[in-house]
Amino acid sequence: MTLEHVKEILLETAGFYFKGACVLWAKQAGNRPPPPYATLDIRDAGRTAFPLELEPEDPEECGTGQGRLYQCRSIMEVNLYTEGAPTGAGEGRTGSYANTALSDMLAFSSYLDSEMVTDHLAGKGISVLLMPPVRDLSSLENGTSYRYRAMAEYAVSYFMEADGAYGILGRAVPDAGGGGTQELAGEPIEPIRDVEMEAR
């Protein structure tokens, strides 16, 4: 699994919850959609220094997707923008809106922590945990109206695969950053077939 695969799964999972809102990645060119909408952002990525070594299913083969697994951890930031809930009822409506961003974000966090979503993500090798607190970042815009916004951070854990002599066997190359070649991505690790031992 790559970080891009993890991001696809996280976007799909958030979109399944926010059916009545637009869900998109932050830091993309384009116009801002009208609220309600949510933005996701992956900040930082760390991994363990030493991988888990996996034995190939066939001892005669090496570098065929059974290589190394690195445990990785990233921070996902979710921002929710909403118009809020109308205040008053019936003819008594005042035309103003109550700020529900914080409670809406807490509800999303409960969704991510639910048994169904936890099991779904675990089946894909991903764990998502809320990193409190959930913050209310609402602000006054143009001196006339409030932009209701809440933000939460989540610790995302997953395993990244690395295989082949150069750690990129089977990857699409070159990547968007210009890295990798077909020669590097196709180079398997040569298995050790003969070991000479000398008695002393």
N, C-alpha and C. Protein backbone atom coordinates (compact mmCIF):
# COMPACT_ATOMS: atom_id res chain seq x y z
N MET A 1 0.84 -1.18 0.00
CA MET A 1 0.00 0.00 0.00
C MET A 1 0.89 1.25 0.00
N THR A 2 0.48 2.24 -0.76
CA THR A 2 1.19 3.51 -0.79
C THR A 2 0.35 4.58 -0.08
N LEU A 3 0.95 5.73 0.17
CA LEU A 3 0.22 6.82 0.79
C LEU A 3 -0.94 7.26 -0.10
N GLU A 4 -0.75 7.21 -1.42
CA GLU A 4 -1.83 7.59 -2.32
C GLU A 4 -3.02 6.65 -2.19
N HIS A 5 -2.75 5.35 -1.99
CA HIS A 5 -3.85 4.40 -1.76
C HIS A 5 -4.58 4.73 -0.46
N VAL A 6 -3.82 5.05 0.57
CA VAL A 6 -4.42 5.42 1.86
C VAL A 6 -5.31 6.64 1.70
N LYS A 7 -4.85 7.63 0.97
CA LYS A 7 -5.63 8.85 0.75
C LYS A 7 -6.93 8.56 0.01
N GLU A 8 -6.88 7.67 -0.96
CA GLU A 8 -8.09 7.30 -1.69
C GLU A 8 -9.13 6.69 -0.75
N ILE A 9 -8.67 5.81 0.14
CA ILE A 9 -9.58 5.15 1.08
C ILE A 9 -10.14 6.15 2.08
N LEU A 10 -9.32 7.07 2.56
CA LEU A 10 -9.79 8.08 3.51
C LEU A 10 -10.82 9.00 2.88
N LEU A 11 -10.58 9.41 1.63
CA LEU A 11 -11.54 10.28 0.94
C LEU A 11 -12.86 9.55 0.72
N GLU A 12 -12.79 8.29 0.33
CA GLU A 12 -13.99 7.49 0.12
C GLU A 12 -14.77 7.33 1.43
N THR A 13 -14.04 7.09 2.54
CA THR A 13 -14.68 6.91 3.84
C THR A 13 -15.36 8.18 4.31
N ALA A 14 -14.71 9.33 4.14
CA ALA A 14 -15.31 10.61 4.51
C ALA A 14 -16.50 10.93 3.63
N GLY A 15 -16.39 10.66 2.34
CA GLY A 15 -17.48 10.93 1.41
C GLY A 15 -18.71 10.08 1.69
N PHE A 16 -18.50 8.88 2.21
CA PHE A 16 -19.63 8.01 2.56
C PHE A 16 -20.46 8.63 3.68
N TYR A 17 -19.81 9.39 4.57
CA TYR A 17 -20.51 10.05 5.68
C TYR A 17 -21.13 11.38 5.25
N PHE A 18 -20.35 12.21 4.58
CA PHE A 18 -20.82 13.55 4.19
C PHE A 18 -21.57 13.49 2.86
N LYS A 19 -22.69 12.77 2.83
CA LYS A 19 -23.47 12.64 1.61
C LYS A 19 -24.06 13.98 1.17
N GLY A 20 -24.34 14.87 2.14
CA GLY A 20 -24.94 16.15 1.81
C GLY A 20 -23.94 17.27 1.69
N ALA A 21 -22.66 16.94 1.57
CA ALA A 21 -21.62 17.95 1.48
C ALA A 21 -20.56 17.52 0.47
N CYS A 22 -19.84 18.49 -0.04
CA CYS A 22 -18.71 18.21 -0.93
C CYS A 22 -17.49 17.88 -0.07
N VAL A 23 -16.76 16.83 -0.42
CA VAL A 23 -15.54 16.44 0.30
C VAL A 23 -14.39 16.46 -0.70
N LEU A 24 -13.33 17.20 -0.37
CA LEU A 24 -12.22 17.32 -1.29
C LEU A 24 -10.92 17.48 -0.52
N TRP A 25 -9.81 17.29 -1.22
CA TRP A 25 -8.50 17.48 -0.62
C TRP A 25 -8.18 18.96 -0.57
N ALA A 26 -7.56 19.39 0.50
CA ALA A 26 -7.13 20.78 0.65
C ALA A 26 -5.94 21.04 -0.27
N LYS A 27 -5.61 22.31 -0.43
CA LYS A 27 -4.45 22.74 -1.22
C LYS A 27 -4.55 22.31 -2.67
N GLN A 28 -5.74 22.41 -3.24
CA GLN A 28 -5.93 22.15 -4.66
C GLN A 28 -6.41 23.43 -5.32
N ALA A 29 -5.99 23.61 -6.57
CA ALA A 29 -6.44 24.79 -7.30
C ALA A 29 -7.91 24.64 -7.65
N GLY A 30 -8.64 25.75 -7.63
CA GLY A 30 -10.05 25.71 -7.97
C GLY A 30 -10.85 26.59 -7.03
N ASN A 31 -12.09 26.80 -7.40
CA ASN A 31 -12.97 27.63 -6.58
C ASN A 31 -13.43 26.90 -5.34
N ARG A 32 -13.65 27.65 -4.28
CA ARG A 32 -14.15 27.08 -3.04
C ARG A 32 -15.64 26.78 -3.21
N PRO A 33 -16.07 25.54 -2.89
CA PRO A 33 -17.50 25.22 -3.04
C PRO A 33 -18.32 25.91 -1.95
N PRO A 34 -19.63 26.04 -2.18
CA PRO A 34 -20.47 26.62 -1.13
C PRO A 34 -20.62 25.63 0.03
N PRO A 35 -20.81 26.12 1.25
CA PRO A 35 -20.99 25.21 2.39
C PRO A 35 -22.34 24.51 2.28
N PRO A 36 -22.45 23.32 2.83
CA PRO A 36 -21.44 22.62 3.63
C PRO A 36 -20.41 21.89 2.75
N TYR A 37 -19.18 21.92 3.19
CA TYR A 37 -18.14 21.12 2.55
C TYR A 37 -17.05 20.82 3.56
N ALA A 38 -16.27 19.78 3.26
CA ALA A 38 -15.19 19.35 4.15
C ALA A 38 -13.91 19.21 3.34
N THR A 39 -12.79 19.58 3.94
CA THR A 39 -11.50 19.39 3.29
C THR A 39 -10.65 18.45 4.13
N LEU A 40 -9.90 17.60 3.45
CA LEU A 40 -8.97 16.68 4.10
C LEU A 40 -7.55 17.09 3.71
N ASP A 41 -6.62 16.89 4.63
CA ASP A 41 -5.23 17.20 4.35
C ASP A 41 -4.36 16.22 5.12
N ILE A 42 -3.40 15.62 4.44
CA ILE A 42 -2.43 14.73 5.10
C ILE A 42 -1.17 15.54 5.36
N ARG A 43 -0.82 15.66 6.64
CA ARG A 43 0.37 16.40 7.03
C ARG A 43 1.40 15.44 7.61
N ASP A 44 2.60 15.56 7.15
CA ASP A 44 3.71 14.77 7.67
C ASP A 44 3.52 13.27 7.40
N ALA A 45 4.60 12.59 7.36
CA ALA A 45 4.57 11.13 7.22
C ALA A 45 5.83 10.58 7.85
N GLY A 46 5.67 9.66 8.77
CA GLY A 46 6.82 9.02 9.41
C GLY A 46 6.69 7.52 9.29
N ARG A 47 7.81 6.85 9.39
CA ARG A 47 7.78 5.39 9.34
C ARG A 47 8.85 4.83 10.26
N THR A 48 8.67 3.58 10.62
CA THR A 48 9.64 2.93 11.50
C THR A 48 10.97 2.78 10.76
N ALA A 49 12.04 2.77 11.53
CA ALA A 49 13.38 2.65 10.93
C ALA A 49 13.62 1.27 10.33
N PHE A 50 13.02 0.26 10.95
CA PHE A 50 13.28 -1.11 10.50
C PHE A 50 11.97 -1.76 10.04
N PRO A 51 11.98 -2.37 8.85
CA PRO A 51 10.75 -2.97 8.32
C PRO A 51 10.53 -4.38 8.86
N LEU A 52 9.32 -4.86 8.62
CA LEU A 52 9.01 -6.27 8.84
C LEU A 52 9.38 -7.00 7.56
N GLU A 53 10.19 -8.02 7.68
CA GLU A 53 10.59 -8.80 6.51
C GLU A 53 9.58 -9.92 6.29
N LEU A 54 9.06 -10.01 5.08
CA LEU A 54 8.09 -11.04 4.75
C LEU A 54 8.75 -12.10 3.88
N GLU A 55 8.48 -13.34 4.21
CA GLU A 55 9.02 -14.44 3.43
C GLU A 55 8.16 -14.64 2.18
N PRO A 56 8.77 -14.85 1.02
CA PRO A 56 7.98 -15.12 -0.19
C PRO A 56 7.24 -16.44 -0.06
N GLU A 57 6.09 -16.52 -0.70
CA GLU A 57 5.33 -17.77 -0.67
C GLU A 57 6.09 -18.89 -1.35
N ASP A 58 6.82 -18.52 -2.40
CA ASP A 58 7.63 -19.51 -3.11
C ASP A 58 9.10 -19.19 -2.81
N PRO A 59 9.79 -20.08 -2.07
CA PRO A 59 11.20 -19.82 -1.71
C PRO A 59 12.10 -19.61 -2.91
N GLU A 60 11.71 -20.10 -4.10
CA GLU A 60 12.53 -19.94 -5.30
C GLU A 60 12.40 -18.55 -5.89
N GLU A 61 11.38 -17.79 -5.45
CA GLU A 61 11.18 -16.45 -5.98
C GLU A 61 11.52 -15.42 -4.92
N CYS A 62 11.95 -14.26 -5.38
CA CYS A 62 12.24 -13.18 -4.46
C CYS A 62 11.90 -11.87 -5.15
N GLY A 63 11.38 -10.92 -4.39
CA GLY A 63 11.03 -9.64 -4.97
C GLY A 63 9.76 -9.70 -5.78
N THR A 64 8.74 -10.38 -5.27
CA THR A 64 7.48 -10.51 -6.00
C THR A 64 6.30 -10.04 -5.16
N GLY A 65 6.46 -8.93 -4.45
CA GLY A 65 5.36 -8.42 -3.64
C GLY A 65 5.34 -8.99 -2.23
N GLN A 66 6.35 -9.76 -1.86
CA GLN A 66 6.42 -10.35 -0.52
C GLN A 66 7.64 -9.81 0.22
N GLY A 67 7.95 -8.54 0.01
CA GLY A 67 9.19 -7.98 0.53
C GLY A 67 9.10 -7.43 1.94
N ARG A 68 9.14 -6.10 2.06
CA ARG A 68 9.23 -5.45 3.36
C ARG A 68 8.00 -4.59 3.62
N LEU A 69 7.62 -4.50 4.88
CA LEU A 69 6.52 -3.64 5.30
C LEU A 69 7.04 -2.66 6.34
N TYR A 70 6.80 -1.37 6.09
CA TYR A 70 7.14 -0.33 7.05
C TYR A 70 5.87 0.17 7.71
N GLN A 71 5.86 0.23 9.04
CA GLN A 71 4.71 0.81 9.72
C GLN A 71 4.85 2.32 9.63
N CYS A 72 3.81 2.97 9.13
CA CYS A 72 3.84 4.42 8.89
C CYS A 72 2.76 5.11 9.70
N ARG A 73 2.97 6.41 9.92
CA ARG A 73 2.00 7.22 10.66
C ARG A 73 1.96 8.61 10.06
N SER A 74 0.76 9.10 9.81
CA SER A 74 0.56 10.44 9.29
C SER A 74 -0.51 11.14 10.12
N ILE A 75 -0.60 12.45 9.94
CA ILE A 75 -1.65 13.24 10.58
C ILE A 75 -2.62 13.69 9.50
N MET A 76 -3.90 13.39 9.69
CA MET A 76 -4.93 13.87 8.78
C MET A 76 -5.68 15.01 9.45
N GLU A 77 -5.75 16.15 8.77
CA GLU A 77 -6.52 17.29 9.26
C GLU A 77 -7.82 17.39 8.47
N VAL A 78 -8.93 17.48 9.18
CA VAL A 78 -10.25 17.61 8.55
C VAL A 78 -10.84 18.94 8.98
N ASN A 79 -11.25 19.75 8.00
CA ASN A 79 -11.94 21.01 8.26
C ASN A 79 -13.35 20.90 7.70
N LEU A 80 -14.32 21.27 8.51
CA LEU A 80 -15.72 21.24 8.11
C LEU A 80 -16.26 22.67 8.09
N TYR A 81 -16.83 23.06 6.96
CA TYR A 81 -17.43 24.39 6.80
C TYR A 81 -18.93 24.22 6.62
N THR A 82 -19.71 24.98 7.39
CA THR A 82 -21.16 24.84 7.33
C THR A 82 -21.85 26.19 7.51
N GLU A 83 -23.05 26.31 6.99
CA GLU A 83 -23.86 27.52 7.20
C GLU A 83 -24.48 27.52 8.58
N GLY A 84 -24.51 26.37 9.23
CA GLY A 84 -25.15 26.24 10.53
C GLY A 84 -26.61 25.88 10.38
N ALA A 85 -27.32 25.88 11.49
CA ALA A 85 -28.75 25.52 11.49
C ALA A 85 -29.58 26.78 11.66
N PRO A 86 -30.69 26.90 10.89
CA PRO A 86 -31.55 28.08 11.03
C PRO A 86 -32.10 28.18 12.45
N THR A 87 -32.16 29.39 12.98
CA THR A 87 -32.72 29.61 14.31
C THR A 87 -34.18 30.00 14.20
N GLY A 88 -34.94 29.74 15.27
CA GLY A 88 -36.37 30.04 15.25
C GLY A 88 -37.13 28.95 14.55
N ALA A 89 -38.44 29.08 14.52
CA ALA A 89 -39.29 28.08 13.89
C ALA A 89 -40.48 28.76 13.24
N GLY A 90 -40.88 28.24 12.08
CA GLY A 90 -42.06 28.76 11.41
C GLY A 90 -41.91 30.24 11.07
N GLU A 91 -42.96 31.01 11.39
CA GLU A 91 -42.94 32.44 11.10
C GLU A 91 -41.97 33.19 12.01
N GLY A 92 -41.52 32.53 13.08
CA GLY A 92 -40.62 33.17 14.02
C GLY A 92 -39.16 33.12 13.62
N ARG A 93 -38.86 32.60 12.41
CA ARG A 93 -37.47 32.51 11.96
C ARG A 93 -36.88 33.90 11.83
N THR A 94 -35.67 34.04 12.29
CA THR A 94 -35.01 35.35 12.28
C THR A 94 -34.08 35.54 11.09
N GLY A 95 -33.85 34.49 10.32
CA GLY A 95 -32.93 34.58 9.19
C GLY A 95 -31.48 34.39 9.60
N SER A 96 -31.25 34.14 10.87
CA SER A 96 -29.88 33.88 11.34
C SER A 96 -29.68 32.39 11.52
N TYR A 97 -28.39 32.02 11.67
CA TYR A 97 -28.05 30.60 11.76
C TYR A 97 -27.18 30.35 12.98
N ALA A 98 -27.45 29.21 13.65
CA ALA A 98 -26.67 28.82 14.82
C ALA A 98 -25.44 28.03 14.37
N ASN A 99 -24.34 28.22 15.06
CA ASN A 99 -23.09 27.54 14.74
C ASN A 99 -23.15 26.09 15.20
N THR A 100 -23.17 25.16 14.24
CA THR A 100 -23.22 23.72 14.57
C THR A 100 -21.93 23.01 14.17
N ALA A 101 -20.93 23.77 13.73
CA ALA A 101 -19.71 23.16 13.18
C ALA A 101 -19.04 22.20 14.16
N LEU A 102 -18.95 22.62 15.43
CA LEU A 102 -18.27 21.80 16.42
C LEU A 102 -19.01 20.49 16.66
N SER A 103 -20.32 20.57 16.85
CA SER A 103 -21.08 19.33 17.09
C SER A 103 -21.12 18.45 15.85
N ASP A 104 -21.13 19.06 14.67
CA ASP A 104 -21.11 18.28 13.43
C ASP A 104 -19.78 17.53 13.29
N MET A 105 -18.68 18.17 13.66
CA MET A 105 -17.38 17.51 13.58
C MET A 105 -17.25 16.39 14.61
N LEU A 106 -17.82 16.60 15.79
CA LEU A 106 -17.82 15.55 16.80
C LEU A 106 -18.61 14.33 16.32
N ALA A 107 -19.70 14.59 15.62
CA ALA A 107 -20.51 13.48 15.07
C ALA A 107 -19.70 12.71 14.03
N PHE A 108 -18.93 13.42 13.19
CA PHE A 108 -18.07 12.76 12.20
C PHE A 108 -17.01 11.90 12.90
N SER A 109 -16.47 12.42 14.00
CA SER A 109 -15.47 11.66 14.76
C SER A 109 -16.08 10.39 15.35
N SER A 110 -17.33 10.48 15.79
CA SER A 110 -18.02 9.28 16.30
C SER A 110 -18.22 8.26 15.19
N TYR A 111 -18.48 8.75 13.97
CA TYR A 111 -18.61 7.87 12.80
C TYR A 111 -17.30 7.13 12.53
N LEU A 112 -16.18 7.88 12.54
CA LEU A 112 -14.88 7.25 12.29
C LEU A 112 -14.52 6.24 13.37
N ASP A 113 -15.02 6.46 14.59
CA ASP A 113 -14.71 5.58 15.72
C ASP A 113 -15.70 4.44 15.86
N SER A 114 -16.70 4.40 14.98
CA SER A 114 -17.73 3.36 15.09
C SER A 114 -17.16 1.99 14.73
N GLU A 115 -17.85 0.96 15.18
CA GLU A 115 -17.40 -0.41 14.93
C GLU A 115 -17.35 -0.72 13.45
N MET A 116 -18.36 -0.27 12.70
CA MET A 116 -18.41 -0.58 11.27
C MET A 116 -17.24 0.05 10.52
N VAL A 117 -16.97 1.33 10.79
CA VAL A 117 -15.89 2.02 10.06
C VAL A 117 -14.53 1.52 10.53
N THR A 118 -14.38 1.30 11.83
CA THR A 118 -13.11 0.77 12.35
C THR A 118 -12.78 -0.57 11.71
N ASP A 119 -13.77 -1.45 11.62
CA ASP A 119 -13.56 -2.77 11.00
C ASP A 119 -13.24 -2.63 9.51
N HIS A 120 -13.96 -1.73 8.84
CA HIS A 120 -13.74 -1.53 7.40
C HIS A 120 -12.30 -1.07 7.14
N LEU A 121 -11.84 -0.07 7.90
CA LEU A 121 -10.49 0.44 7.71
C LEU A 121 -9.44 -0.58 8.14
N ALA A 122 -9.70 -1.31 9.23
CA ALA A 122 -8.76 -2.32 9.69
C ALA A 122 -8.57 -3.41 8.63
N GLY A 123 -9.65 -3.74 7.91
CA GLY A 123 -9.56 -4.72 6.85
C GLY A 123 -8.65 -4.27 5.71
N LYS A 124 -8.43 -2.98 5.62
CA LYS A 124 -7.54 -2.43 4.60
C LYS A 124 -6.17 -2.05 5.18
N GLY A 125 -5.98 -2.38 6.48
CA GLY A 125 -4.69 -2.12 7.12
C GLY A 125 -4.50 -0.69 7.58
N ILE A 126 -5.61 0.00 7.87
CA ILE A 126 -5.55 1.41 8.27
C ILE A 126 -6.23 1.60 9.62
N SER A 127 -5.65 2.46 10.44
CA SER A 127 -6.24 2.84 11.72
C SER A 127 -6.33 4.36 11.77
N VAL A 128 -7.50 4.89 12.22
CA VAL A 128 -7.71 6.34 12.32
C VAL A 128 -8.19 6.66 13.74
N LEU A 129 -7.43 7.49 14.45
CA LEU A 129 -7.78 7.84 15.83
C LEU A 129 -7.79 9.35 16.00
N LEU A 130 -8.84 9.86 16.65
CA LEU A 130 -8.97 11.29 16.91
C LEU A 130 -7.86 11.75 17.86
N MET A 131 -7.28 12.91 17.55
CA MET A 131 -6.30 13.54 18.42
C MET A 131 -6.96 14.81 19.00
N PRO A 132 -7.58 14.71 20.18
CA PRO A 132 -8.30 15.86 20.74
C PRO A 132 -7.36 17.05 20.96
N PRO A 133 -7.94 18.27 21.02
CA PRO A 133 -9.37 18.57 20.97
C PRO A 133 -9.86 18.84 19.55
N VAL A 134 -11.18 18.82 19.39
CA VAL A 134 -11.81 19.32 18.17
C VAL A 134 -11.94 20.83 18.35
N ARG A 135 -11.50 21.61 17.38
CA ARG A 135 -11.44 23.06 17.53
C ARG A 135 -12.52 23.78 16.72
N ASP A 136 -13.10 24.82 17.32
CA ASP A 136 -14.02 25.70 16.61
C ASP A 136 -13.19 26.86 16.07
N LEU A 137 -13.10 26.96 14.74
CA LEU A 137 -12.30 28.00 14.10
C LEU A 137 -13.17 28.96 13.30
N SER A 138 -14.41 29.14 13.75
CA SER A 138 -15.33 30.05 13.07
C SER A 138 -14.77 31.46 13.09
N SER A 139 -15.07 32.24 12.05
CA SER A 139 -14.56 33.60 11.96
C SER A 139 -15.57 34.50 11.27
N LEU A 140 -15.47 35.79 11.55
CA LEU A 140 -16.34 36.78 10.94
C LEU A 140 -15.76 37.17 9.58
N GLU A 141 -16.62 37.12 8.55
CA GLU A 141 -16.18 37.46 7.20
C GLU A 141 -16.83 38.75 6.73
N ASN A 142 -16.03 39.63 6.19
CA ASN A 142 -16.50 40.91 5.65
C ASN A 142 -17.28 41.74 6.67
N GLY A 143 -17.12 41.43 7.94
CA GLY A 143 -17.79 42.19 8.98
C GLY A 143 -19.28 42.02 9.03
N THR A 144 -19.82 41.05 8.27
CA THR A 144 -21.27 40.91 8.21
C THR A 144 -21.78 39.52 8.56
N SER A 145 -21.02 38.49 8.26
CA SER A 145 -21.50 37.13 8.50
C SER A 145 -20.37 36.24 9.01
N TYR A 146 -20.76 35.19 9.68
CA TYR A 146 -19.78 34.25 10.21
C TYR A 146 -19.55 33.10 9.25
N ARG A 147 -18.31 32.66 9.22
CA ARG A 147 -17.96 31.45 8.48
C ARG A 147 -17.75 30.37 9.52
N TYR A 148 -18.74 29.50 9.65
CA TYR A 148 -18.68 28.46 10.66
C TYR A 148 -17.73 27.35 10.20
N ARG A 149 -16.76 27.04 11.06
CA ARG A 149 -15.74 26.05 10.70
C ARG A 149 -15.26 25.33 11.95
N ALA A 150 -15.09 24.02 11.82
CA ALA A 150 -14.50 23.22 12.89
C ALA A 150 -13.38 22.38 12.29
N MET A 151 -12.35 22.11 13.10
CA MET A 151 -11.20 21.34 12.63
C MET A 151 -10.84 20.27 13.64
N ALA A 152 -10.49 19.10 13.12
CA ALA A 152 -10.03 18.00 13.97
C ALA A 152 -8.83 17.34 13.30
N GLU A 153 -7.95 16.78 14.12
CA GLU A 153 -6.78 16.05 13.63
C GLU A 153 -6.90 14.59 14.03
N TYR A 154 -6.45 13.72 13.14
CA TYR A 154 -6.53 12.28 13.38
C TYR A 154 -5.18 11.64 13.09
N ALA A 155 -4.78 10.70 13.94
CA ALA A 155 -3.57 9.92 13.70
C ALA A 155 -3.94 8.76 12.78
N VAL A 156 -3.27 8.67 11.65
CA VAL A 156 -3.54 7.63 10.66
C VAL A 156 -2.34 6.69 10.61
N SER A 157 -2.57 5.42 10.92
CA SER A 157 -1.51 4.41 10.88
C SER A 157 -1.79 3.43 9.75
N TYR A 158 -0.74 3.00 9.07
CA TYR A 158 -0.89 2.08 7.95
C TYR A 158 0.47 1.43 7.67
N PHE A 159 0.49 0.44 6.79
CA PHE A 159 1.73 -0.22 6.40
C PHE A 159 2.05 0.11 4.95
N MET A 160 3.29 0.48 4.70
CA MET A 160 3.74 0.77 3.35
C MET A 160 4.64 -0.37 2.88
N GLU A 161 4.37 -0.85 1.67
CA GLU A 161 5.14 -1.95 1.12
C GLU A 161 6.36 -1.43 0.37
N ALA A 162 7.45 -2.14 0.48
CA ALA A 162 8.66 -1.86 -0.30
C ALA A 162 9.22 -3.20 -0.74
N ASP A 163 9.49 -3.33 -2.03
CA ASP A 163 9.96 -4.61 -2.55
C ASP A 163 10.95 -4.39 -3.67
N GLY A 164 11.71 -5.39 -3.96
CA GLY A 164 12.69 -5.32 -5.03
C GLY A 164 14.02 -4.77 -4.53
N ALA A 165 15.00 -4.83 -5.41
CA ALA A 165 16.35 -4.41 -5.05
C ALA A 165 16.41 -2.93 -4.69
N TYR A 166 15.52 -2.12 -5.29
CA TYR A 166 15.52 -0.68 -5.02
C TYR A 166 14.28 -0.23 -4.25
N GLY A 167 13.50 -1.17 -3.77
CA GLY A 167 12.35 -0.84 -2.93
C GLY A 167 11.14 -0.32 -3.67
N ILE A 168 11.15 -0.36 -5.02
CA ILE A 168 10.01 0.17 -5.77
C ILE A 168 9.50 -0.83 -6.80
N LEU A 169 9.76 -2.10 -6.59
CA LEU A 169 9.30 -3.14 -7.52
C LEU A 169 7.78 -3.08 -7.66
N GLY A 170 7.30 -3.04 -8.88
CA GLY A 170 5.86 -3.05 -9.13
C GLY A 170 5.20 -1.67 -9.07
N ARG A 171 5.95 -0.62 -8.74
CA ARG A 171 5.37 0.73 -8.69
C ARG A 171 5.27 1.32 -10.09
N ALA A 172 4.31 2.24 -10.26
CA ALA A 172 4.20 2.98 -11.52
C ALA A 172 5.31 4.02 -11.55
N VAL A 173 6.16 3.97 -12.54
CA VAL A 173 7.28 4.90 -12.65
C VAL A 173 7.35 5.45 -14.07
N PRO A 174 7.89 6.67 -14.24
CA PRO A 174 8.27 7.57 -13.15
C PRO A 174 7.04 8.11 -12.44
N ASP A 175 7.21 8.47 -11.15
CA ASP A 175 6.07 9.01 -10.42
C ASP A 175 5.92 10.49 -10.75
N ALA A 176 4.90 11.14 -10.17
CA ALA A 176 4.62 12.54 -10.49
C ALA A 176 5.77 13.45 -10.11
N GLY A 177 6.59 13.01 -9.17
CA GLY A 177 7.76 13.79 -8.77
C GLY A 177 8.97 13.53 -9.65
N GLY A 178 8.82 12.67 -10.67
CA GLY A 178 9.92 12.38 -11.58
C GLY A 178 10.85 11.28 -11.12
N GLY A 179 10.48 10.58 -10.04
CA GLY A 179 11.36 9.57 -9.48
C GLY A 179 11.09 8.18 -10.00
N GLY A 180 12.16 7.41 -10.13
CA GLY A 180 12.04 6.01 -10.51
C GLY A 180 12.13 5.80 -12.01
N THR A 181 12.60 4.62 -12.38
CA THR A 181 12.67 4.21 -13.79
C THR A 181 12.18 2.78 -13.89
N GLN A 182 11.87 2.36 -15.11
CA GLN A 182 11.45 0.97 -15.32
C GLN A 182 12.55 0.00 -14.91
N GLU A 183 13.78 0.39 -15.15
CA GLU A 183 14.92 -0.47 -14.79
C GLU A 183 14.98 -0.68 -13.28
N LEU A 184 14.80 0.41 -12.51
CA LEU A 184 14.85 0.30 -11.05
C LEU A 184 13.64 -0.46 -10.51
N ALA A 185 12.46 -0.14 -11.05
CA ALA A 185 11.23 -0.74 -10.54
C ALA A 185 11.11 -2.22 -10.88
N GLY A 186 11.84 -2.68 -11.90
CA GLY A 186 11.73 -4.07 -12.30
C GLY A 186 12.85 -4.96 -11.79
N GLU A 187 13.74 -4.38 -10.98
CA GLU A 187 14.89 -5.15 -10.49
C GLU A 187 14.53 -5.93 -9.24
N PRO A 188 14.45 -7.27 -9.33
CA PRO A 188 14.14 -8.06 -8.13
C PRO A 188 15.37 -8.25 -7.26
N ILE A 189 15.14 -8.73 -6.07
CA ILE A 189 16.25 -9.10 -5.20
C ILE A 189 16.66 -10.52 -5.56
N GLU A 190 17.91 -10.71 -5.88
CA GLU A 190 18.38 -12.04 -6.25
C GLU A 190 18.45 -12.92 -5.00
N PRO A 191 17.81 -14.07 -5.03
CA PRO A 191 17.87 -14.95 -3.86
C PRO A 191 19.25 -15.58 -3.71
N ILE A 192 19.59 -15.90 -2.48
CA ILE A 192 20.84 -16.61 -2.20
C ILE A 192 20.55 -18.09 -2.36
N ARG A 193 21.19 -18.70 -3.35
CA ARG A 193 20.88 -20.10 -3.67
C ARG A 193 21.89 -21.08 -3.05
N ASP A 194 23.14 -20.67 -2.98
CA ASP A 194 24.17 -21.58 -2.46
C ASP A 194 24.92 -20.88 -1.33
N VAL A 195 25.11 -21.62 -0.26
CA VAL A 195 25.88 -21.12 0.87
C VAL A 195 27.00 -22.11 1.17
N GLU A 196 28.23 -21.61 1.12
CA GLU A 196 29.36 -22.48 1.41
C GLU A 196 29.73 -22.33 2.89
N MET A 197 29.83 -23.44 3.57
CA MET A 197 30.19 -23.43 5.00
C MET A 197 31.50 -24.18 5.18
N GLU A 198 32.33 -23.68 6.02
CA GLU A 198 33.63 -24.29 6.24
C GLU A 198 33.71 -24.74 7.70
N ALA A 199 33.99 -26.03 7.91
CA ALA A 199 34.09 -26.55 9.28
C ALA A 199 35.43 -26.16 9.88
N ARG A 200 35.41 -25.87 11.16
CA ARG A 200 36.66 -25.49 11.86
C ARG A 200 36.99 -26.50 12.92
